[in-house]
Amino acid sequence: MRACSLSDIPEEGALRVDLDGKPICIARSQGEVFAISDICSHADVSLSEGDVEDGTVECWLHGSRFDLRTGMPTGLPATKPVATYPVTVEGDDVLVKLES
């Protein structure tokens, strides 16, 4: 399903969208586009408000970093991964496939 326009996402940045009631962080890093759950697995805060750098997003509250490809935490205090979703870019449309 269409999440946003590619032009809506800053280079090395993120955007929050809601798809079927799920908060999704659409991030752009190193020329690629990723979709992960927007809610940090450590604290109930929005990952899309954090810094995106080198294929990771940082939770602004406690500093946990998550790999945008796998959803795995790469820095404490988070120890649980967040969900990731397949992304396709068609022209300026960013499409995200949610698991059914």
PDB file of N, CA and C in Angstrom:
ATOM      1  N   MET A   1       0.837  -1.177   0.000  1.00  0.00           N
ATOM      2  CA  MET A   1       0.000   0.000   0.000  1.00  0.00           C
ATOM      3  C   MET A   1       0.883   1.241   0.000  1.00  0.00           C
ATOM      4  N   ARG A   2       0.373   2.317  -0.583  1.00  0.00           N
ATOM      5  CA  ARG A   2       1.152   3.546  -0.679  1.00  0.00           C
ATOM      6  C   ARG A   2       1.280   4.185   0.702  1.00  0.00           C
ATOM      7  N   ALA A   3       2.537   4.479   1.077  1.00  0.00           N
ATOM      8  CA  ALA A   3       2.804   5.076   2.382  1.00  0.00           C
ATOM      9  C   ALA A   3       2.997   6.583   2.286  1.00  0.00           C
ATOM     10  N   CYS A   4       3.730   7.028   1.249  1.00  0.00           N
ATOM     11  CA  CYS A   4       4.050   8.443   1.096  1.00  0.00           C
ATOM     12  C   CYS A   4       4.742   8.647  -0.243  1.00  0.00           C
ATOM     13  N   SER A   5       5.136   9.884  -0.504  1.00  0.00           N
ATOM     14  CA  SER A   5       5.956  10.186  -1.668  1.00  0.00           C
ATOM     15  C   SER A   5       7.422  10.128  -1.258  1.00  0.00           C
ATOM     16  N   LEU A   6       8.264   9.676  -2.155  1.00  0.00           N
ATOM     17  CA  LEU A   6       9.694   9.633  -1.878  1.00  0.00           C
ATOM     18  C   LEU A   6      10.200  11.025  -1.520  1.00  0.00           C
ATOM     19  N   SER A   7       9.661  12.033  -2.181  1.00  0.00           N
ATOM     20  CA  SER A   7      10.089  13.410  -1.929  1.00  0.00           C
ATOM     21  C   SER A   7       9.688  13.914  -0.534  1.00  0.00           C
ATOM     22  N   ASP A   8       8.789  13.202   0.168  1.00  0.00           N
ATOM     23  CA  ASP A   8       8.392  13.583   1.528  1.00  0.00           C
ATOM     24  C   ASP A   8       9.447  13.209   2.565  1.00  0.00           C
ATOM     25  N   ILE A   9      10.333  12.272   2.216  1.00  0.00           N
ATOM     26  CA  ILE A   9      11.299  11.743   3.191  1.00  0.00           C
ATOM     27  C   ILE A   9      12.630  12.465   3.010  1.00  0.00           C
ATOM     28  N   PRO A  10      13.135  13.094   4.072  1.00  0.00           N
ATOM     29  CA  PRO A  10      14.430  13.758   3.940  1.00  0.00           C
ATOM     30  C   PRO A  10      15.566  12.748   3.735  1.00  0.00           C
ATOM     31  N   GLU A  11      16.629  13.166   3.038  1.00  0.00           N
ATOM     32  CA  GLU A  11      17.828  12.326   2.937  1.00  0.00           C
ATOM     33  C   GLU A  11      18.353  12.125   4.357  1.00  0.00           C
ATOM     34  N   GLU A  12      18.712  10.884   4.707  1.00  0.00           N
ATOM     35  CA  GLU A  12      19.157  10.554   6.068  1.00  0.00           C
ATOM     36  C   GLU A  12      18.152  11.106   7.081  1.00  0.00           C
ATOM     37  N   GLY A  13      16.884  10.768   6.865  1.00  0.00           N
ATOM     38  CA  GLY A  13      15.829  11.221   7.762  1.00  0.00           C
ATOM     39  C   GLY A  13      14.668  10.250   7.762  1.00  0.00           C
ATOM     40  N   ALA A  14      13.636  10.585   8.523  1.00  0.00           N
ATOM     41  CA  ALA A  14      12.492   9.685   8.671  1.00  0.00           C
ATOM     42  C   ALA A  14      11.190  10.453   8.727  1.00  0.00           C
ATOM     43  N   LEU A  15      10.127   9.710   8.515  1.00  0.00           N
ATOM     44  CA  LEU A  15       8.772  10.243   8.474  1.00  0.00           C
ATOM     45  C   LEU A  15       7.856   9.195   9.089  1.00  0.00           C
ATOM     46  N   ARG A  16       6.887   9.637   9.885  1.00  0.00           N
ATOM     47  CA  ARG A  16       5.903   8.708  10.458  1.00  0.00           C
ATOM     48  C   ARG A  16       4.669   8.693   9.572  1.00  0.00           C
ATOM     49  N   VAL A  17       4.188   7.491   9.288  1.00  0.00           N
ATOM     50  CA  VAL A  17       2.916   7.318   8.599  1.00  0.00           C
ATOM     51  C   VAL A  17       2.104   6.287   9.368  1.00  0.00           C
ATOM     52  N   ASP A  18       0.795   6.333   9.212  1.00  0.00           N
ATOM     53  CA  ASP A  18      -0.075   5.322   9.815  1.00  0.00           C
ATOM     54  C   ASP A  18      -0.699   4.522   8.685  1.00  0.00           C
ATOM     55  N   LEU A  19      -0.441   3.212   8.679  1.00  0.00           N
ATOM     56  CA  LEU A  19      -0.982   2.315   7.662  1.00  0.00           C
ATOM     57  C   LEU A  19      -1.832   1.259   8.352  1.00  0.00           C
ATOM     58  N   ASP A  20      -3.089   1.193   7.995  1.00  0.00           N
ATOM     59  CA  ASP A  20      -4.029   0.254   8.633  1.00  0.00           C
ATOM     60  C   ASP A  20      -3.957   0.343  10.156  1.00  0.00           C
ATOM     61  N   GLY A  21      -3.814   1.550  10.682  1.00  0.00           N
ATOM     62  CA  GLY A  21      -3.779   1.751  12.129  1.00  0.00           C
ATOM     63  C   GLY A  21      -2.433   1.469  12.771  1.00  0.00           C
ATOM     64  N   LYS A  22      -1.420   1.094  11.983  1.00  0.00           N
ATOM     65  CA  LYS A  22      -0.088   0.823  12.523  1.00  0.00           C
ATOM     66  C   LYS A  22       0.824   2.018  12.288  1.00  0.00           C
ATOM     67  N   PRO A  23       1.508   2.486  13.353  1.00  0.00           N
ATOM     68  CA  PRO A  23       2.476   3.563  13.153  1.00  0.00           C
ATOM     69  C   PRO A  23       3.754   2.994  12.526  1.00  0.00           C
ATOM     70  N   ILE A  24       4.143   3.545  11.377  1.00  0.00           N
ATOM     71  CA  ILE A  24       5.296   3.047  10.625  1.00  0.00           C
ATOM     72  C   ILE A  24       6.298   4.188  10.442  1.00  0.00           C
ATOM     73  N   CYS A  25       7.567   3.888  10.662  1.00  0.00           N
ATOM     74  CA  CYS A  25       8.655   4.825  10.420  1.00  0.00           C
ATOM     75  C   CYS A  25       9.215   4.528   9.030  1.00  0.00           C
ATOM     76  N   ILE A  26       9.054   5.491   8.125  1.00  0.00           N
ATOM     77  CA  ILE A  26       9.632   5.376   6.786  1.00  0.00           C
ATOM     78  C   ILE A  26      10.938   6.164   6.827  1.00  0.00           C
ATOM     79  N   ALA A  27      12.052   5.482   6.627  1.00  0.00           N
ATOM     80  CA  ALA A  27      13.357   6.130   6.755  1.00  0.00           C
ATOM     81  C   ALA A  27      14.145   6.015   5.458  1.00  0.00           C
ATOM     82  N   ARG A  28      14.975   7.023   5.230  1.00  0.00           N
ATOM     83  CA  ARG A  28      15.841   7.049   4.063  1.00  0.00           C
ATOM     84  C   ARG A  28      17.276   7.164   4.554  1.00  0.00           C
ATOM     85  N   SER A  29      18.106   6.217   4.152  1.00  0.00           N
ATOM     86  CA  SER A  29      19.499   6.225   4.580  1.00  0.00           C
ATOM     87  C   SER A  29      20.358   5.566   3.521  1.00  0.00           C
ATOM     88  N   GLN A  30      21.495   6.150   3.233  1.00  0.00           N
ATOM     89  CA  GLN A  30      22.456   5.597   2.284  1.00  0.00           C
ATOM     90  C   GLN A  30      21.805   5.277   0.937  1.00  0.00           C
ATOM     91  N   GLY A  31      20.860   6.145   0.520  1.00  0.00           N
ATOM     92  CA  GLY A  31      20.210   5.986  -0.769  1.00  0.00           C
ATOM     93  C   GLY A  31      19.114   4.934  -0.819  1.00  0.00           C
ATOM     94  N   GLU A  32      18.790   4.321   0.296  1.00  0.00           N
ATOM     95  CA  GLU A  32      17.735   3.301   0.349  1.00  0.00           C
ATOM     96  C   GLU A  32      16.579   3.784   1.217  1.00  0.00           C
ATOM     97  N   VAL A  33      15.413   3.165   1.023  1.00  0.00           N
ATOM     98  CA  VAL A  33      14.232   3.486   1.810  1.00  0.00           C
ATOM     99  C   VAL A  33      13.833   2.243   2.602  1.00  0.00           C
ATOM    100  N   PHE A  34      13.501   2.461   3.867  1.00  0.00           N
ATOM    101  CA  PHE A  34      13.163   1.366   4.782  1.00  0.00           C
ATOM    102  C   PHE A  34      11.857   1.669   5.494  1.00  0.00           C
ATOM    103  N   ALA A  35      11.192   0.619   5.972  1.00  0.00           N
ATOM    104  CA  ALA A  35       9.987   0.772   6.791  1.00  0.00           C
ATOM    105  C   ALA A  35      10.123  -0.134   8.012  1.00  0.00           C
ATOM    106  N   ILE A  36      10.016   0.467   9.190  1.00  0.00           N
ATOM    107  CA  ILE A  36      10.055  -0.286  10.443  1.00  0.00           C
ATOM    108  C   ILE A  36       8.940   0.228  11.339  1.00  0.00           C
ATOM    109  N   SER A  37       8.649  -0.533  12.380  1.00  0.00           N
ATOM    110  CA  SER A  37       7.671  -0.065  13.363  1.00  0.00           C
ATOM    111  C   SER A  37       8.147   1.274  13.917  1.00  0.00           C
ATOM    112  N   ASP A  38       7.233   2.205  14.097  1.00  0.00           N
ATOM    113  CA  ASP A  38       7.628   3.529  14.593  1.00  0.00           C
ATOM    114  C   ASP A  38       7.758   3.571  16.109  1.00  0.00           C
ATOM    115  N   ILE A  39       7.422   2.485  16.791  1.00  0.00           N
ATOM    116  CA  ILE A  39       7.448   2.495  18.253  1.00  0.00           C
ATOM    117  C   ILE A  39       8.679   1.746  18.764  1.00  0.00           C
ATOM    118  N   CYS A  40       9.507   2.447  19.532  1.00  0.00           N
ATOM    119  CA  CYS A  40      10.715   1.848  20.115  1.00  0.00           C
ATOM    120  C   CYS A  40      10.326   0.658  20.987  1.00  0.00           C
ATOM    121  N   SER A  41      11.112  -0.420  20.913  1.00  0.00           N
ATOM    122  CA  SER A  41      10.811  -1.624  21.708  1.00  0.00           C
ATOM    123  C   SER A  41      11.203  -1.461  23.173  1.00  0.00           C
ATOM    124  N   HIS A  42      11.908  -0.402  23.510  1.00  0.00           N
ATOM    125  CA  HIS A  42      12.323  -0.167  24.902  1.00  0.00           C
ATOM    126  C   HIS A  42      11.375   0.786  25.620  1.00  0.00           C
ATOM    127  N   ALA A  43      10.999   1.860  24.942  1.00  0.00           N
ATOM    128  CA  ALA A  43      10.083   2.846  25.519  1.00  0.00           C
ATOM    129  C   ALA A  43       9.065   3.206  24.437  1.00  0.00           C
ATOM    130  N   ASP A  44       7.884   3.548  24.848  1.00  0.00           N
ATOM    131  CA  ASP A  44       6.787   3.798  23.911  1.00  0.00           C
ATOM    132  C   ASP A  44       6.906   5.180  23.278  1.00  0.00           C
ATOM    133  N   VAL A  45       7.956   5.361  22.452  1.00  0.00           N
ATOM    134  CA  VAL A  45       8.166   6.643  21.785  1.00  0.00           C
ATOM    135  C   VAL A  45       8.388   6.423  20.290  1.00  0.00           C
ATOM    136  N   SER A  46       8.214   7.489  19.536  1.00  0.00           N
ATOM    137  CA  SER A  46       8.286   7.435  18.080  1.00  0.00           C
ATOM    138  C   SER A  46       9.728   7.439  17.574  1.00  0.00           C
ATOM    139  N   LEU A  47      10.101   6.392  16.834  1.00  0.00           N
ATOM    140  CA  LEU A  47      11.452   6.320  16.270  1.00  0.00           C
ATOM    141  C   LEU A  47      11.652   7.332  15.150  1.00  0.00           C
ATOM    142  N   SER A  48      10.585   7.695  14.446  1.00  0.00           N
ATOM    143  CA  SER A  48      10.721   8.625  13.325  1.00  0.00           C
ATOM    144  C   SER A  48      11.165  10.019  13.769  1.00  0.00           C
ATOM    145  N   GLU A  49      11.097  10.292  15.064  1.00  0.00           N
ATOM    146  CA  GLU A  49      11.560  11.580  15.583  1.00  0.00           C
ATOM    147  C   GLU A  49      13.054  11.556  15.906  1.00  0.00           C
ATOM    148  N   GLY A  50      13.693  10.400  15.744  1.00  0.00           N
ATOM    149  CA  GLY A  50      15.116  10.271  16.054  1.00  0.00           C
ATOM    150  C   GLY A  50      16.004  10.511  14.854  1.00  0.00           C
ATOM    151  N   ASP A  51      17.304  10.471  15.079  1.00  0.00           N
ATOM    152  CA  ASP A  51      18.291  10.690  14.020  1.00  0.00           C
ATOM    153  C   ASP A  51      18.496   9.425  13.201  1.00  0.00           C
ATOM    154  N   VAL A  52      18.584   9.601  11.880  1.00  0.00           N
ATOM    155  CA  VAL A  52      18.869   8.505  10.955  1.00  0.00           C
ATOM    156  C   VAL A  52      20.291   8.703  10.454  1.00  0.00           C
ATOM    157  N   GLU A  53      21.102   7.615  10.553  1.00  0.00           N
ATOM    158  CA  GLU A  53      22.500   7.704  10.147  1.00  0.00           C
ATOM    159  C   GLU A  53      23.051   6.307   9.883  1.00  0.00           C
ATOM    160  N   ASP A  54      23.783   6.158   8.786  1.00  0.00           N
ATOM    161  CA  ASP A  54      24.486   4.905   8.469  1.00  0.00           C
ATOM    162  C   ASP A  54      23.601   3.662   8.566  1.00  0.00           C
ATOM    163  N   GLY A  55      22.375   3.739   8.040  1.00  0.00           N
ATOM    164  CA  GLY A  55      21.497   2.576   8.029  1.00  0.00           C
ATOM    165  C   GLY A  55      20.857   2.254   9.366  1.00  0.00           C
ATOM    166  N   THR A  56      20.875   3.227  10.304  1.00  0.00           N
ATOM    167  CA  THR A  56      20.238   3.015  11.608  1.00  0.00           C
ATOM    168  C   THR A  56      19.380   4.228  11.957  1.00  0.00           C
ATOM    169  N   VAL A  57      18.457   4.013  12.897  1.00  0.00           N
ATOM    170  CA  VAL A  57      17.676   5.116  13.456  1.00  0.00           C
ATOM    171  C   VAL A  57      17.880   5.080  14.965  1.00  0.00           C
ATOM    172  N   GLU A  58      18.016   6.254  15.558  1.00  0.00           N
ATOM    173  CA  GLU A  58      18.252   6.352  16.993  1.00  0.00           C
ATOM    174  C   GLU A  58      16.989   6.818  17.695  1.00  0.00           C
ATOM    175  N   CYS A  59      16.630   6.131  18.767  1.00  0.00           N
ATOM    176  CA  CYS A  59      15.509   6.569  19.602  1.00  0.00           C
ATOM    177  C   CYS A  59      15.945   7.822  20.350  1.00  0.00           C
ATOM    178  N   TRP A  60      15.182   8.891  20.209  1.00  0.00           N
ATOM    179  CA  TRP A  60      15.564  10.175  20.801  1.00  0.00           C
ATOM    180  C   TRP A  60      15.513  10.182  22.324  1.00  0.00           C
ATOM    181  N   LEU A  61      14.758   9.263  22.936  1.00  0.00           N
ATOM    182  CA  LEU A  61      14.581   9.319  24.387  1.00  0.00           C
ATOM    183  C   LEU A  61      15.769   8.752  25.158  1.00  0.00           C
ATOM    184  N   HIS A  62      16.193   7.529  24.821  1.00  0.00           N
ATOM    185  CA  HIS A  62      17.276   6.875  25.570  1.00  0.00           C
ATOM    186  C   HIS A  62      18.489   6.517  24.727  1.00  0.00           C
ATOM    187  N   GLY A  63      18.436   6.785  23.417  1.00  0.00           N
ATOM    188  CA  GLY A  63      19.620   6.583  22.589  1.00  0.00           C
ATOM    189  C   GLY A  63      19.808   5.207  21.983  1.00  0.00           C
ATOM    190  N   SER A  64      18.833   4.317  22.114  1.00  0.00           N
ATOM    191  CA  SER A  64      18.950   3.013  21.449  1.00  0.00           C
ATOM    192  C   SER A  64      18.974   3.226  19.944  1.00  0.00           C
ATOM    193  N   ARG A  65      19.776   2.424  19.237  1.00  0.00           N
ATOM    194  CA  ARG A  65      19.807   2.494  17.771  1.00  0.00           C
ATOM    195  C   ARG A  65      19.273   1.177  17.222  1.00  0.00           C
ATOM    196  N   PHE A  66      18.564   1.272  16.081  1.00  0.00           N
ATOM    197  CA  PHE A  66      18.002   0.092  15.435  1.00  0.00           C
ATOM    198  C   PHE A  66      18.483   0.029  13.994  1.00  0.00           C
ATOM    199  N   ASP A  67      18.876  -1.172  13.551  1.00  0.00           N
ATOM    200  CA  ASP A  67      19.269  -1.397  12.165  1.00  0.00           C
ATOM    201  C   ASP A  67      18.013  -1.314  11.304  1.00  0.00           C
ATOM    202  N   LEU A  68      18.024  -0.443  10.304  1.00  0.00           N
ATOM    203  CA  LEU A  68      16.839  -0.253   9.460  1.00  0.00           C
ATOM    204  C   LEU A  68      16.548  -1.465   8.586  1.00  0.00           C
ATOM    205  N   ARG A  69      17.550  -2.302   8.297  1.00  0.00           N
ATOM    206  CA  ARG A  69      17.345  -3.490   7.467  1.00  0.00           C
ATOM    207  C   ARG A  69      16.705  -4.641   8.244  1.00  0.00           C
ATOM    208  N   THR A  70      17.135  -4.809   9.500  1.00  0.00           N
ATOM    209  CA  THR A  70      16.708  -5.977  10.269  1.00  0.00           C
ATOM    210  C   THR A  70      15.793  -5.651  11.444  1.00  0.00           C
ATOM    211  N   GLY A  71      15.786  -4.405  11.881  1.00  0.00           N
ATOM    212  CA  GLY A  71      15.016  -4.033  13.067  1.00  0.00           C
ATOM    213  C   GLY A  71      15.717  -4.370  14.371  1.00  0.00           C
ATOM    214  N   MET A  72      16.902  -4.991  14.279  1.00  0.00           N
ATOM    215  CA  MET A  72      17.629  -5.396  15.491  1.00  0.00           C
ATOM    216  C   MET A  72      18.243  -4.171  16.173  1.00  0.00           C
ATOM    217  N   PRO A  73      18.213  -4.157  17.522  1.00  0.00           N
ATOM    218  CA  PRO A  73      18.870  -3.056  18.226  1.00  0.00           C
ATOM    219  C   PRO A  73      20.389  -3.181  18.090  1.00  0.00           C
ATOM    220  N   THR A  74      21.053  -2.052  17.870  1.00  0.00           N
ATOM    221  CA  THR A  74      22.510  -2.056  17.774  1.00  0.00           C
ATOM    222  C   THR A  74      23.128  -1.306  18.944  1.00  0.00           C
ATOM    223  N   GLY A  75      22.292  -0.829  19.854  1.00  0.00           N
ATOM    224  CA  GLY A  75      22.785  -0.133  21.041  1.00  0.00           C
ATOM    225  C   GLY A  75      21.762  -0.203  22.155  1.00  0.00           C
ATOM    226  N   LEU A  76      22.239  -0.319  23.379  1.00  0.00           N
ATOM    227  CA  LEU A  76      21.375  -0.375  24.558  1.00  0.00           C
ATOM    228  C   LEU A  76      20.739   1.001  24.782  1.00  0.00           C
ATOM    229  N   PRO A  77      19.640   1.070  25.537  1.00  0.00           N
ATOM    230  CA  PRO A  77      19.078   0.035  26.400  1.00  0.00           C
ATOM    231  C   PRO A  77      18.121  -0.949  25.713  1.00  0.00           C
ATOM    232  N   ALA A  78      17.738  -0.727  24.471  1.00  0.00           N
ATOM    233  CA  ALA A  78      16.817  -1.666  23.810  1.00  0.00           C
ATOM    234  C   ALA A  78      17.493  -3.018  23.594  1.00  0.00           C
ATOM    235  N   THR A  79      16.740  -4.098  23.812  1.00  0.00           N
ATOM    236  CA  THR A  79      17.262  -5.442  23.583  1.00  0.00           C
ATOM    237  C   THR A  79      16.360  -6.244  22.644  1.00  0.00           C
ATOM    238  N   LYS A  80      15.151  -5.740  22.361  1.00  0.00           N
ATOM    239  CA  LYS A  80      14.211  -6.436  21.478  1.00  0.00           C
ATOM    240  C   LYS A  80      14.149  -5.721  20.134  1.00  0.00           C
ATOM    241  N   PRO A  81      14.055  -6.487  19.042  1.00  0.00           N
ATOM    242  CA  PRO A  81      13.948  -5.857  17.723  1.00  0.00           C
ATOM    243  C   PRO A  81      12.576  -5.221  17.511  1.00  0.00           C
ATOM    244  N   VAL A  82      12.498  -4.363  16.487  1.00  0.00           N
ATOM    245  CA  VAL A  82      11.216  -3.828  16.043  1.00  0.00           C
ATOM    246  C   VAL A  82      10.904  -4.458  14.687  1.00  0.00           C
ATOM    247  N   ALA A  83       9.634  -4.477  14.324  1.00  0.00           N
ATOM    248  CA  ALA A  83       9.205  -5.090  13.065  1.00  0.00           C
ATOM    249  C   ALA A  83       9.717  -4.282  11.870  1.00  0.00           C
ATOM    250  N   THR A  84      10.060  -4.991  10.809  1.00  0.00           N
ATOM    251  CA  THR A  84      10.439  -4.349   9.548  1.00  0.00           C
ATOM    252  C   THR A  84       9.440  -4.779   8.479  1.00  0.00           C
ATOM    253  N   TYR A  85       9.320  -3.962   7.441  1.00  0.00           N
ATOM    254  CA  TYR A  85       8.357  -4.232   6.380  1.00  0.00           C
ATOM    255  C   TYR A  85       9.019  -4.023   5.026  1.00  0.00           C
ATOM    256  N   PRO A  86       8.683  -4.868   4.028  1.00  0.00           N
ATOM    257  CA  PRO A  86       9.246  -4.701   2.680  1.00  0.00           C
ATOM    258  C   PRO A  86       8.787  -3.391   2.038  1.00  0.00           C
ATOM    259  N   VAL A  87       9.722  -2.715   1.365  1.00  0.00           N
ATOM    260  CA  VAL A  87       9.447  -1.438   0.715  1.00  0.00           C
ATOM    261  C   VAL A  87       9.765  -1.546  -0.772  1.00  0.00           C
ATOM    262  N   THR A  88       8.910  -0.962  -1.596  1.00  0.00           N
ATOM    263  CA  THR A  88       9.142  -0.823  -3.028  1.00  0.00           C
ATOM    264  C   THR A  88       8.944   0.647  -3.373  1.00  0.00           C
ATOM    265  N   VAL A  89       9.831   1.184  -4.207  1.00  0.00           N
ATOM    266  CA  VAL A  89       9.672   2.556  -4.677  1.00  0.00           C
ATOM    267  C   VAL A  89       9.327   2.498  -6.159  1.00  0.00           C
ATOM    268  N   GLU A  90       8.180   3.051  -6.512  1.00  0.00           N
ATOM    269  CA  GLU A  90       7.736   3.117  -7.909  1.00  0.00           C
ATOM    270  C   GLU A  90       7.554   4.581  -8.269  1.00  0.00           C
ATOM    271  N   GLY A  91       8.499   5.123  -9.029  1.00  0.00           N
ATOM    272  CA  GLY A  91       8.462   6.553  -9.324  1.00  0.00           C
ATOM    273  C   GLY A  91       8.675   7.323  -8.044  1.00  0.00           C
ATOM    274  N   ASP A  92       7.687   8.163  -7.677  1.00  0.00           N
ATOM    275  CA  ASP A  92       7.775   8.916  -6.422  1.00  0.00           C
ATOM    276  C   ASP A  92       6.954   8.273  -5.299  1.00  0.00           C
ATOM    277  N   ASP A  93       6.338   7.113  -5.589  1.00  0.00           N
ATOM    278  CA  ASP A  93       5.508   6.441  -4.593  1.00  0.00           C
ATOM    279  C   ASP A  93       6.307   5.434  -3.775  1.00  0.00           C
ATOM    280  N   VAL A  94       6.195   5.543  -2.452  1.00  0.00           N
ATOM    281  CA  VAL A  94       6.811   4.571  -1.545  1.00  0.00           C
ATOM    282  C   VAL A  94       5.701   3.597  -1.129  1.00  0.00           C
ATOM    283  N   LEU A  95       5.872   2.326  -1.472  1.00  0.00           N
ATOM    284  CA  LEU A  95       4.882   1.303  -1.165  1.00  0.00           C
ATOM    285  C   LEU A  95       5.420   0.390  -0.071  1.00  0.00           C
ATOM    286  N   VAL A  96       4.586   0.098   0.912  1.00  0.00           N
ATOM    287  CA  VAL A  96       4.979  -0.756   2.038  1.00  0.00           C
ATOM    288  C   VAL A  96       4.034  -1.939   2.089  1.00  0.00           C
ATOM    289  N   LYS A  97       4.607  -3.145   2.229  1.00  0.00           N
ATOM    290  CA  LYS A  97       3.792  -4.349   2.352  1.00  0.00           C
ATOM    291  C   LYS A  97       3.711  -4.732   3.833  1.00  0.00           C
ATOM    292  N   LEU A  98       2.505  -4.641   4.376  1.00  0.00           N
ATOM    293  CA  LEU A  98       2.276  -5.069   5.757  1.00  0.00           C
ATOM    294  C   LEU A  98       1.954  -6.551   5.754  1.00  0.00           C
ATOM    295  N   GLU A  99       2.460  -7.261   6.739  1.00  0.00           N
ATOM    296  CA  GLU A  99       2.138  -8.689   6.861  1.00  0.00           C
ATOM    297  C   GLU A  99       0.654  -8.840   7.125  1.00  0.00           C
ATOM    298  N   SER A 100       0.059  -9.866   6.537  1.00  0.00           N
ATOM    299  CA  SER A 100      -1.381 -10.072   6.743  1.00  0.00           C
ATOM    300  C   SER A 100      -1.632 -11.070   7.844  1.00  0.00           C
TER     301      SER A 100
END
